[in-house]
Amino acid sequence: MNGKSNRLIILFVLSVSLLISSLTTVLLAYYYCNMQFKLLDGFCGEIIKEYPGSKQTVLEILKSKKLYHIANTDESVLLSFGYKPSDFWSINGQVLVLASVVFLLGGALFFLTFVYWHKKSVSRIDGLTNYLEKVNTGGQGLLMATEEDEFSRLQDEIYKTITTLYQTRDAALEEKSNYADNLSNIAHQLKTPITAISLSVQMMKEYPASGYSEQISRQLNRLTHLEEALLLLSRIEAGTLVMKQADVDVFTLLTLASDNLQELFIQNGVSVDVPEVGGINIIADLDWTMEAIMNLMKNCMEHTKTGTTVHCSYERNSLYVQIRIWDEGHGFEKEELPHLFERFYRGKNSSTSGIGIGLSLSKAIIEMQNGIIRAFNLHEGGACFEIRFYSH
């Protein structure tokens, strides 16, 4: 706590201590007066009982000595003489004045402490209220001066809430911007095949015998592929895509993915190397994970030369199973690395038939299954994708 808070607490404790001390002094004095009265009462009673004729003598002694005592019994000798406990009050005037002064001083200190604390509390509440009003009106004031007092916890919670709201707002704005960009990209992706189909239809009208139907078929397939990919991504983002969790052998996973791409590999003159290590499993959905692996293999195939090989490797440690897929090409461009997994992003050397959605789809599928993926260039050359499926 800061110095002001310490002084406030010390002042408060001092005032309460003075109040308690004064009250304790008065109560103790009253208690001992009663005890003295009882003792003297008993003593006088025993004397008179033994010497009945000494009653007048005892009375004269009490008056002459001006003893101050208090009794509280029903058969009190002193009471029978007309004495009351107040007649033997043992606190003199100075003590009463001192006790009164201490009591008033303690009360004043307590009152001043309470007034100061109240003003400080009102000031702190006004400060927090003004801060919230400033935030609500869009003012720039996310940071506020910190103070160590009884409102510190409330201030921390308000700051955390405001920070979270700012982050939520920024995320919403970013999501809105991404949504607009995605719509623009989708429109662009749709425009190319639709334009090609439209031109092909016009040419077919003029030249019915020409083979424009094949071109239309290719563009329709491209539209179908785009539709399926977008629907899949929307299901992943909405959390409605169900992944079947089962033991999947990594060698089987990589072999099935390469087999499904065998025709494309043959057309491009590229081979695939999947070593059989055996005994390494992951918990994943076989079909969807194979889809993600196929996209990575296809990307490597499209960026390597004819006559080269797309390599695969996999291994296990205590934390995760690691799968690597790499090619023998020139690797990724340095400026492309941060954007590879962005939706609709296409590098300089991308194929003209691609729509730039395969890598983002692979990333989403892998991350849904407690995995991560990254891309980098190998030191000896070639682009590499590294996947890690964590055990826990």
Protein backbone atom coordinates (compact mmCIF):
# COMPACT_ATOMS: atom_id res chain seq x y z
CA MET A 1 0.00 0.00 0.00
CA ASN A 2 1.09 3.60 -0.48
CA GLY A 3 1.91 6.15 2.22
CA LYS A 4 -1.53 7.75 2.26
CA SER A 5 -3.24 4.44 2.91
CA ASN A 6 -0.80 3.63 5.71
CA ARG A 7 -1.37 6.98 7.41
CA LEU A 8 -5.11 6.53 7.09
CA ILE A 9 -4.99 3.11 8.72
CA ILE A 10 -2.67 4.31 11.52
CA LEU A 11 -4.98 7.27 12.24
CA PHE A 12 -8.00 5.01 12.32
CA VAL A 13 -6.35 2.47 14.62
CA LEU A 14 -5.16 5.25 16.95
CA SER A 15 -8.60 6.79 17.26
CA VAL A 16 -10.24 3.44 17.97
CA SER A 17 -7.50 2.60 20.49
CA LEU A 18 -8.08 5.86 22.36
CA LEU A 19 -11.80 5.22 22.50
CA ILE A 20 -11.29 1.70 23.80
CA SER A 21 -8.70 2.87 26.36
CA SER A 22 -10.97 5.55 27.79
CA LEU A 23 -13.93 3.21 28.03
CA THR A 24 -11.75 0.53 29.61
CA THR A 25 -10.45 3.00 32.23
CA VAL A 26 -13.96 3.98 33.25
CA LEU A 27 -15.20 0.40 33.42
CA LEU A 28 -12.21 -0.82 35.45
CA ALA A 29 -12.56 2.07 37.90
CA TYR A 30 -16.22 1.26 38.36
CA TYR A 31 -15.42 -2.41 38.92
CA TYR A 32 -12.76 -1.77 41.55
CA CYS A 33 -15.01 0.69 43.36
CA ASN A 34 -17.62 -2.00 43.70
CA MET A 35 -15.01 -4.48 44.94
CA GLN A 36 -13.77 -2.02 47.56
CA PHE A 37 -17.30 -1.34 48.68
CA LYS A 38 -18.01 -5.03 49.13
CA LEU A 39 -14.82 -5.63 51.09
CA LEU A 40 -15.42 -2.67 53.41
CA ASP A 41 -19.07 -3.60 53.78
CA GLY A 42 -18.15 -7.13 54.84
CA PHE A 43 -15.50 -5.85 57.24
CA CYS A 44 -17.82 -3.40 58.92
CA GLY A 45 -20.56 -6.01 59.10
CA GLU A 46 -18.28 -8.45 60.95
CA ILE A 47 -17.18 -5.79 63.46
CA ILE A 48 -20.73 -4.79 64.31
CA LYS A 49 -21.75 -8.45 64.56
CA GLU A 50 -18.98 -9.12 67.11
CA TYR A 51 -19.33 -5.80 68.88
CA PRO A 52 -22.90 -4.54 68.56
CA GLY A 53 -22.03 -1.41 70.52
CA SER A 54 -19.45 -0.34 67.96
CA LYS A 55 -21.99 0.59 65.31
CA GLN A 56 -21.77 4.32 66.05
CA THR A 57 -17.98 4.13 66.17
CA VAL A 58 -17.81 2.48 62.75
CA LEU A 59 -20.07 5.15 61.33
CA GLU A 60 -17.86 7.90 62.69
CA ILE A 61 -14.74 6.22 61.30
CA LEU A 62 -16.28 5.98 57.84
CA LYS A 63 -17.20 9.65 57.88
CA SER A 64 -13.92 10.85 59.29
CA LYS A 65 -11.73 8.84 56.91
CA LYS A 66 -13.85 9.70 53.85
CA LEU A 67 -13.36 6.22 52.42
CA TYR A 68 -14.64 5.65 48.93
CA HIS A 69 -16.11 2.22 48.36
CA ILE A 70 -19.07 0.59 46.66
CA ALA A 71 -21.36 -2.23 47.82
CA ASN A 72 -24.07 -4.14 46.06
CA THR A 73 -25.66 -6.49 48.61
CA ASP A 74 -29.19 -6.57 49.94
CA GLU A 75 -28.11 -6.68 53.65
CA SER A 76 -25.40 -4.06 53.40
CA VAL A 77 -24.34 -2.28 56.58
CA LEU A 78 -23.26 0.73 54.57
CA LEU A 79 -26.59 0.89 52.84
CA SER A 80 -28.31 0.74 56.22
CA PHE A 81 -26.23 3.76 57.16
CA GLY A 82 -27.58 5.58 54.10
CA TYR A 83 -24.49 5.17 51.90
CA LYS A 84 -24.68 4.34 48.19
CA PRO A 85 -21.90 3.07 45.82
CA SER A 86 -21.78 6.50 44.21
CA ASP A 87 -20.87 7.99 47.57
CA PHE A 88 -17.64 6.02 47.46
CA TRP A 89 -16.74 6.68 43.81
CA SER A 90 -12.96 6.40 43.79
CA ILE A 91 -12.26 8.44 40.67
CA ASN A 92 -11.49 12.04 41.35
CA GLY A 93 -12.33 14.96 39.14
CA GLN A 94 -8.99 15.00 37.32
CA VAL A 95 -9.38 11.40 36.27
CA LEU A 96 -12.89 12.06 35.02
CA VAL A 97 -11.71 15.10 33.07
CA LEU A 98 -8.82 13.15 31.57
CA ALA A 99 -11.09 10.26 30.61
CA SER A 100 -13.55 12.71 29.05
CA VAL A 101 -10.83 14.45 27.08
CA VAL A 102 -9.45 11.15 25.82
CA PHE A 103 -12.93 10.01 24.87
CA LEU A 104 -13.67 13.23 22.99
CA LEU A 105 -10.29 13.16 21.29
CA GLY A 106 -10.82 9.56 20.18
CA GLY A 107 -14.30 10.42 18.94
CA ALA A 108 -12.98 13.41 17.01
CA LEU A 109 -10.20 11.36 15.44
CA PHE A 110 -12.66 8.64 14.52
CA PHE A 111 -15.03 11.19 12.99
CA LEU A 112 -12.25 12.84 11.00
CA THR A 113 -10.99 9.46 9.83
CA PHE A 114 -14.46 8.48 8.72
CA VAL A 115 -14.94 11.79 6.86
CA TYR A 116 -11.56 11.44 5.15
CA TRP A 117 -12.25 7.82 4.19
CA HIS A 118 -15.70 8.76 2.90
CA LYS A 119 -14.33 11.60 0.77
CA LYS A 120 -11.58 9.37 -0.56
CA SER A 121 -14.09 6.62 -1.41
CA VAL A 122 -16.39 9.09 -3.15
CA SER A 123 -13.42 10.46 -5.10
CA ARG A 124 -12.32 6.97 -6.18
CA ILE A 125 -15.87 6.03 -7.21
CA ASP A 126 -16.19 9.26 -9.19
CA GLY A 127 -12.85 8.52 -10.89
CA LEU A 128 -13.93 5.00 -11.87
CA THR A 129 -17.32 6.30 -13.02
CA ASN A 130 -15.72 8.99 -15.17
CA TYR A 131 -13.38 6.39 -16.64
CA LEU A 132 -16.31 4.16 -17.62
CA GLU A 133 -18.20 7.13 -19.08
CA LYS A 134 -15.13 8.05 -21.11
CA VAL A 135 -14.86 4.50 -22.42
CA ASN A 136 -18.59 4.35 -23.23
CA THR A 137 -18.38 7.58 -25.23
CA GLY A 138 -15.47 6.25 -27.26
CA GLY A 139 -12.76 8.28 -25.61
CA GLN A 140 -9.19 7.11 -25.72
CA GLY A 141 -8.43 6.16 -22.15
CA LEU A 142 -7.78 2.47 -21.83
CA LEU A 143 -4.97 3.05 -19.31
CA MET A 144 -5.71 4.61 -15.94
CA ALA A 145 -3.58 5.52 -12.95
CA THR A 146 -3.30 2.65 -10.48
CA GLU A 147 -3.74 3.15 -6.74
CA GLU A 148 -3.30 0.66 -3.93
CA ASP A 149 -6.42 0.87 -1.76
CA GLU A 150 -9.67 -0.93 -1.05
CA PHE A 151 -10.81 -0.21 -4.62
CA SER A 152 -7.74 -1.71 -6.27
CA ARG A 153 -9.40 -5.06 -6.95
CA LEU A 154 -12.47 -3.38 -8.45
CA GLN A 155 -10.19 -1.21 -10.59
CA ASP A 156 -8.29 -4.30 -11.80
CA GLU A 157 -11.51 -6.08 -12.72
CA ILE A 158 -12.82 -3.01 -14.57
CA TYR A 159 -9.53 -2.73 -16.45
CA LYS A 160 -9.65 -6.43 -17.38
CA THR A 161 -13.25 -6.10 -18.56
CA ILE A 162 -12.52 -3.00 -20.64
CA THR A 163 -9.44 -4.67 -22.13
CA THR A 164 -11.50 -7.74 -23.03
CA LEU A 165 -14.18 -5.54 -24.62
CA TYR A 166 -11.57 -3.71 -26.69
CA GLN A 167 -10.08 -7.01 -27.80
CA THR A 168 -13.55 -8.35 -28.66
CA ARG A 169 -14.31 -5.21 -30.64
CA ASP A 170 -11.01 -5.43 -32.51
CA ALA A 171 -11.62 -9.11 -33.21
CA ALA A 172 -15.12 -8.32 -34.49
CA LEU A 173 -13.78 -5.57 -36.74
CA GLU A 174 -11.07 -7.89 -38.02
CA GLU A 175 -13.63 -10.62 -38.60
CA LYS A 176 -15.82 -8.15 -40.47
CA SER A 177 -12.88 -7.13 -42.61
CA ASN A 178 -11.99 -10.77 -43.26
CA TYR A 179 -15.60 -11.47 -44.14
CA ALA A 180 -15.57 -8.67 -46.69
CA ASP A 181 -12.26 -9.91 -48.10
CA ASN A 182 -13.59 -13.46 -48.31
CA LEU A 183 -16.68 -12.31 -50.16
CA SER A 184 -14.48 -10.41 -52.57
CA ASN A 185 -12.23 -13.44 -53.07
CA ILE A 186 -15.19 -15.77 -53.54
CA ALA A 187 -16.68 -13.41 -56.10
CA HIS A 188 -13.36 -13.32 -57.90
CA GLN A 189 -13.06 -17.13 -57.81
CA LEU A 190 -16.58 -17.47 -59.19
CA LYS A 191 -16.08 -14.86 -61.85
CA THR A 192 -13.29 -16.67 -63.68
CA PRO A 193 -15.08 -20.01 -64.33
CA ILE A 194 -18.42 -18.32 -64.97
CA THR A 195 -16.81 -16.06 -67.56
CA ALA A 196 -15.10 -19.04 -69.19
CA ILE A 197 -18.38 -20.98 -69.27
CA SER A 198 -20.20 -17.99 -70.74
CA LEU A 199 -17.60 -17.59 -73.50
CA SER A 200 -17.67 -21.32 -74.22
CA VAL A 201 -21.46 -21.27 -74.55
CA GLN A 202 -21.28 -18.36 -77.00
CA MET A 203 -18.59 -20.11 -79.05
CA MET A 204 -20.65 -23.32 -79.08
CA LYS A 205 -23.53 -21.42 -80.63
CA GLU A 206 -21.27 -20.21 -83.42
CA TYR A 207 -19.25 -23.41 -83.78
CA PRO A 208 -21.40 -26.31 -82.54
CA ALA A 209 -18.89 -28.94 -83.60
CA SER A 210 -16.02 -27.51 -81.51
CA GLY A 211 -15.00 -29.13 -78.19
CA TYR A 212 -16.12 -26.40 -75.87
CA SER A 213 -18.16 -28.82 -73.75
CA GLU A 214 -14.94 -30.18 -72.25
CA GLN A 215 -13.90 -26.71 -71.17
CA ILE A 216 -17.33 -26.11 -69.64
CA SER A 217 -17.04 -29.38 -67.78
CA ARG A 218 -13.65 -28.37 -66.32
CA GLN A 219 -14.99 -25.03 -65.14
CA LEU A 220 -18.05 -26.69 -63.60
CA ASN A 221 -15.77 -29.08 -61.75
CA ARG A 222 -13.79 -26.12 -60.51
CA LEU A 223 -16.98 -24.46 -59.24
CA THR A 224 -18.04 -27.68 -57.56
CA HIS A 225 -14.67 -28.00 -55.85
CA LEU A 226 -14.86 -24.38 -54.67
CA GLU A 227 -18.36 -24.92 -53.32
CA GLU A 228 -17.36 -28.05 -51.40
CA ALA A 229 -14.25 -26.40 -49.94
CA LEU A 230 -16.19 -23.32 -48.81
CA LEU A 231 -18.94 -25.41 -47.25
CA LEU A 232 -16.35 -27.49 -45.44
CA LEU A 233 -14.56 -24.42 -44.09
CA SER A 234 -17.85 -22.91 -42.92
CA ARG A 235 -18.69 -26.16 -41.07
CA ILE A 236 -15.27 -26.15 -39.41
CA GLU A 237 -15.59 -22.52 -38.33
CA ALA A 238 -19.13 -23.12 -37.04
CA GLY A 239 -17.97 -26.20 -35.12
CA THR A 240 -20.49 -28.49 -36.80
CA LEU A 241 -17.97 -30.77 -38.51
CA VAL A 242 -17.77 -34.00 -36.52
CA MET A 243 -14.37 -35.68 -36.38
CA LYS A 244 -14.31 -39.41 -35.66
CA GLN A 245 -11.61 -40.05 -33.09
CA ALA A 246 -9.86 -43.39 -33.67
CA ASP A 247 -6.39 -44.92 -33.78
CA VAL A 248 -4.91 -44.20 -37.21
CA ASP A 249 -1.66 -45.76 -38.40
CA VAL A 250 0.51 -42.99 -39.84
CA PHE A 251 2.01 -45.20 -42.55
CA THR A 252 -1.49 -46.19 -43.70
CA LEU A 253 -2.57 -42.53 -43.62
CA LEU A 254 0.31 -41.36 -45.82
CA THR A 255 -0.01 -44.35 -48.19
CA LEU A 256 -3.74 -43.79 -48.76
CA ALA A 257 -3.18 -40.07 -49.38
CA SER A 258 -0.43 -40.74 -51.95
CA ASP A 259 -2.50 -43.47 -53.64
CA ASN A 260 -5.39 -41.04 -54.17
CA LEU A 261 -2.98 -38.63 -55.85
CA GLN A 262 -1.16 -41.29 -57.88
CA GLU A 263 -2.63 -40.22 -61.21
CA LEU A 264 -1.60 -36.60 -60.67
CA PHE A 265 1.89 -37.64 -59.61
CA ILE A 266 2.27 -39.74 -62.77
CA GLN A 267 1.05 -36.87 -64.97
CA ASN A 268 3.61 -34.52 -63.41
CA GLY A 269 6.41 -37.08 -63.43
CA VAL A 270 6.89 -36.89 -59.65
CA SER A 271 7.22 -39.84 -57.28
CA VAL A 272 6.32 -40.20 -53.59
CA ASP A 273 8.47 -41.76 -50.89
CA VAL A 274 6.62 -43.05 -47.81
CA PRO A 275 8.94 -45.04 -45.52
CA GLU A 276 7.42 -47.85 -43.49
CA VAL A 277 8.43 -47.21 -39.88
CA GLY A 278 5.42 -48.96 -38.34
CA GLY A 279 3.94 -48.87 -34.89
CA ILE A 280 3.16 -45.15 -34.85
CA ASN A 281 -0.48 -44.18 -34.42
CA ILE A 282 -2.38 -40.95 -33.90
CA ILE A 283 -5.89 -40.27 -32.61
CA ALA A 284 -7.63 -38.66 -35.58
CA ASP A 285 -10.31 -38.95 -38.23
CA LEU A 286 -8.80 -41.00 -41.06
CA ASP A 287 -10.82 -39.53 -43.94
CA TRP A 288 -10.49 -35.85 -43.03
CA THR A 289 -6.85 -36.14 -42.01
CA MET A 290 -6.12 -37.89 -45.31
CA GLU A 291 -7.79 -34.93 -47.06
CA ALA A 292 -5.44 -32.54 -45.26
CA ILE A 293 -2.36 -34.66 -46.12
CA MET A 294 -3.40 -34.85 -49.77
CA ASN A 295 -3.51 -31.06 -50.01
CA LEU A 296 0.02 -30.84 -48.62
CA MET A 297 1.35 -33.53 -50.96
CA LYS A 298 -0.34 -31.87 -53.92
CA ASN A 299 1.22 -28.53 -53.02
CA CYS A 300 4.68 -30.11 -52.90
CA MET A 301 4.07 -31.88 -56.22
CA GLU A 302 3.07 -28.61 -57.90
CA HIS A 303 6.22 -26.83 -56.71
CA THR A 304 8.87 -29.38 -57.61
CA LYS A 305 10.45 -30.39 -60.91
CA THR A 306 9.70 -33.38 -63.07
CA GLY A 307 11.71 -36.41 -62.09
CA THR A 308 12.00 -35.43 -58.43
CA THR A 309 10.39 -36.96 -55.36
CA VAL A 310 8.00 -35.80 -52.62
CA HIS A 311 9.35 -37.22 -49.35
CA CYS A 312 7.53 -38.17 -46.16
CA SER A 313 8.80 -39.00 -42.68
CA TYR A 314 7.21 -39.53 -39.27
CA GLU A 315 8.36 -40.16 -35.71
CA ARG A 316 7.05 -40.19 -32.15
CA ASN A 317 8.26 -38.73 -28.87
CA SER A 318 6.69 -38.37 -25.43
CA LEU A 319 4.70 -35.28 -26.43
CA TYR A 320 3.59 -35.67 -30.04
CA VAL A 321 3.76 -37.52 -33.34
CA GLN A 322 5.57 -35.52 -36.00
CA ILE A 323 4.93 -35.88 -39.74
CA ARG A 324 7.01 -34.11 -42.37
CA ILE A 325 6.25 -33.74 -46.08
CA TRP A 326 8.79 -31.98 -48.30
CA ASP A 327 9.81 -31.62 -51.93
CA GLU A 328 13.03 -31.06 -53.89
CA GLY A 329 12.01 -27.73 -55.39
CA HIS A 330 13.30 -24.22 -54.81
CA GLY A 331 11.24 -23.73 -51.61
CA PHE A 332 8.88 -20.99 -50.53
CA GLU A 333 9.52 -17.36 -51.21
CA LYS A 334 10.44 -15.54 -48.01
CA GLU A 335 7.57 -13.07 -48.29
CA GLU A 336 5.08 -15.92 -48.84
CA LEU A 337 5.77 -17.84 -45.63
CA PRO A 338 3.57 -15.70 -43.32
CA HIS A 339 0.59 -16.01 -45.70
CA LEU A 340 0.71 -19.64 -46.86
CA PHE A 341 -2.25 -20.79 -44.75
CA GLU A 342 -4.45 -17.79 -45.42
CA ARG A 343 -7.64 -18.45 -47.29
CA PHE A 344 -7.48 -17.72 -51.05
CA TYR A 345 -3.78 -16.87 -50.84
CA ARG A 346 -1.84 -17.96 -53.92
CA GLY A 347 1.89 -17.64 -54.30
CA LYS A 348 3.78 -16.47 -57.35
CA ASN A 349 4.35 -19.97 -58.67
CA SER A 350 0.87 -21.35 -57.91
CA SER A 351 -0.88 -23.36 -60.58
CA THR A 352 -3.52 -21.57 -62.56
CA SER A 353 -6.14 -24.18 -61.63
CA GLY A 354 -5.74 -23.68 -57.87
CA ILE A 355 -8.11 -21.58 -55.82
CA GLY A 356 -5.83 -20.95 -52.82
CA ILE A 357 -7.94 -22.75 -50.25
CA GLY A 358 -6.26 -26.14 -49.84
CA LEU A 359 -3.61 -25.16 -47.28
CA SER A 360 -6.04 -23.20 -45.12
CA LEU A 361 -8.37 -26.21 -45.18
CA SER A 362 -5.54 -28.53 -44.13
CA LYS A 363 -4.59 -26.21 -41.28
CA ALA A 364 -8.18 -26.08 -40.00
CA ILE A 365 -8.59 -29.88 -40.11
CA ILE A 366 -5.29 -30.50 -38.29
CA GLU A 367 -5.93 -27.91 -35.59
CA MET A 368 -9.34 -29.42 -34.90
CA GLN A 369 -7.57 -32.64 -33.90
CA ASN A 370 -5.14 -31.22 -31.33
CA GLY A 371 -2.45 -30.62 -33.92
CA ILE A 372 -0.41 -27.79 -35.36
CA ILE A 373 1.19 -27.24 -38.77
CA ARG A 374 3.98 -25.01 -39.99
CA ALA A 375 5.84 -24.47 -43.25
CA PHE A 376 9.50 -23.67 -43.77
CA ASN A 377 12.37 -24.13 -46.19
CA LEU A 378 14.97 -26.85 -45.71
CA HIS A 379 18.62 -25.88 -45.51
CA GLU A 380 19.48 -28.18 -48.40
CA GLY A 381 16.59 -26.80 -50.48
CA GLY A 382 12.94 -27.64 -50.83
CA ALA A 383 9.71 -26.66 -49.12
CA CYS A 384 8.64 -28.60 -46.03
CA PHE A 385 5.38 -28.98 -44.12
CA GLU A 386 5.66 -30.15 -40.53
CA ILE A 387 2.63 -31.50 -38.60
CA ARG A 388 2.53 -32.33 -34.92
CA PHE A 389 -0.34 -34.28 -33.34
CA TYR A 390 -0.08 -33.90 -29.57
CA SER A 391 -0.84 -36.81 -27.27
CA HIS A 392 -2.67 -34.72 -24.67
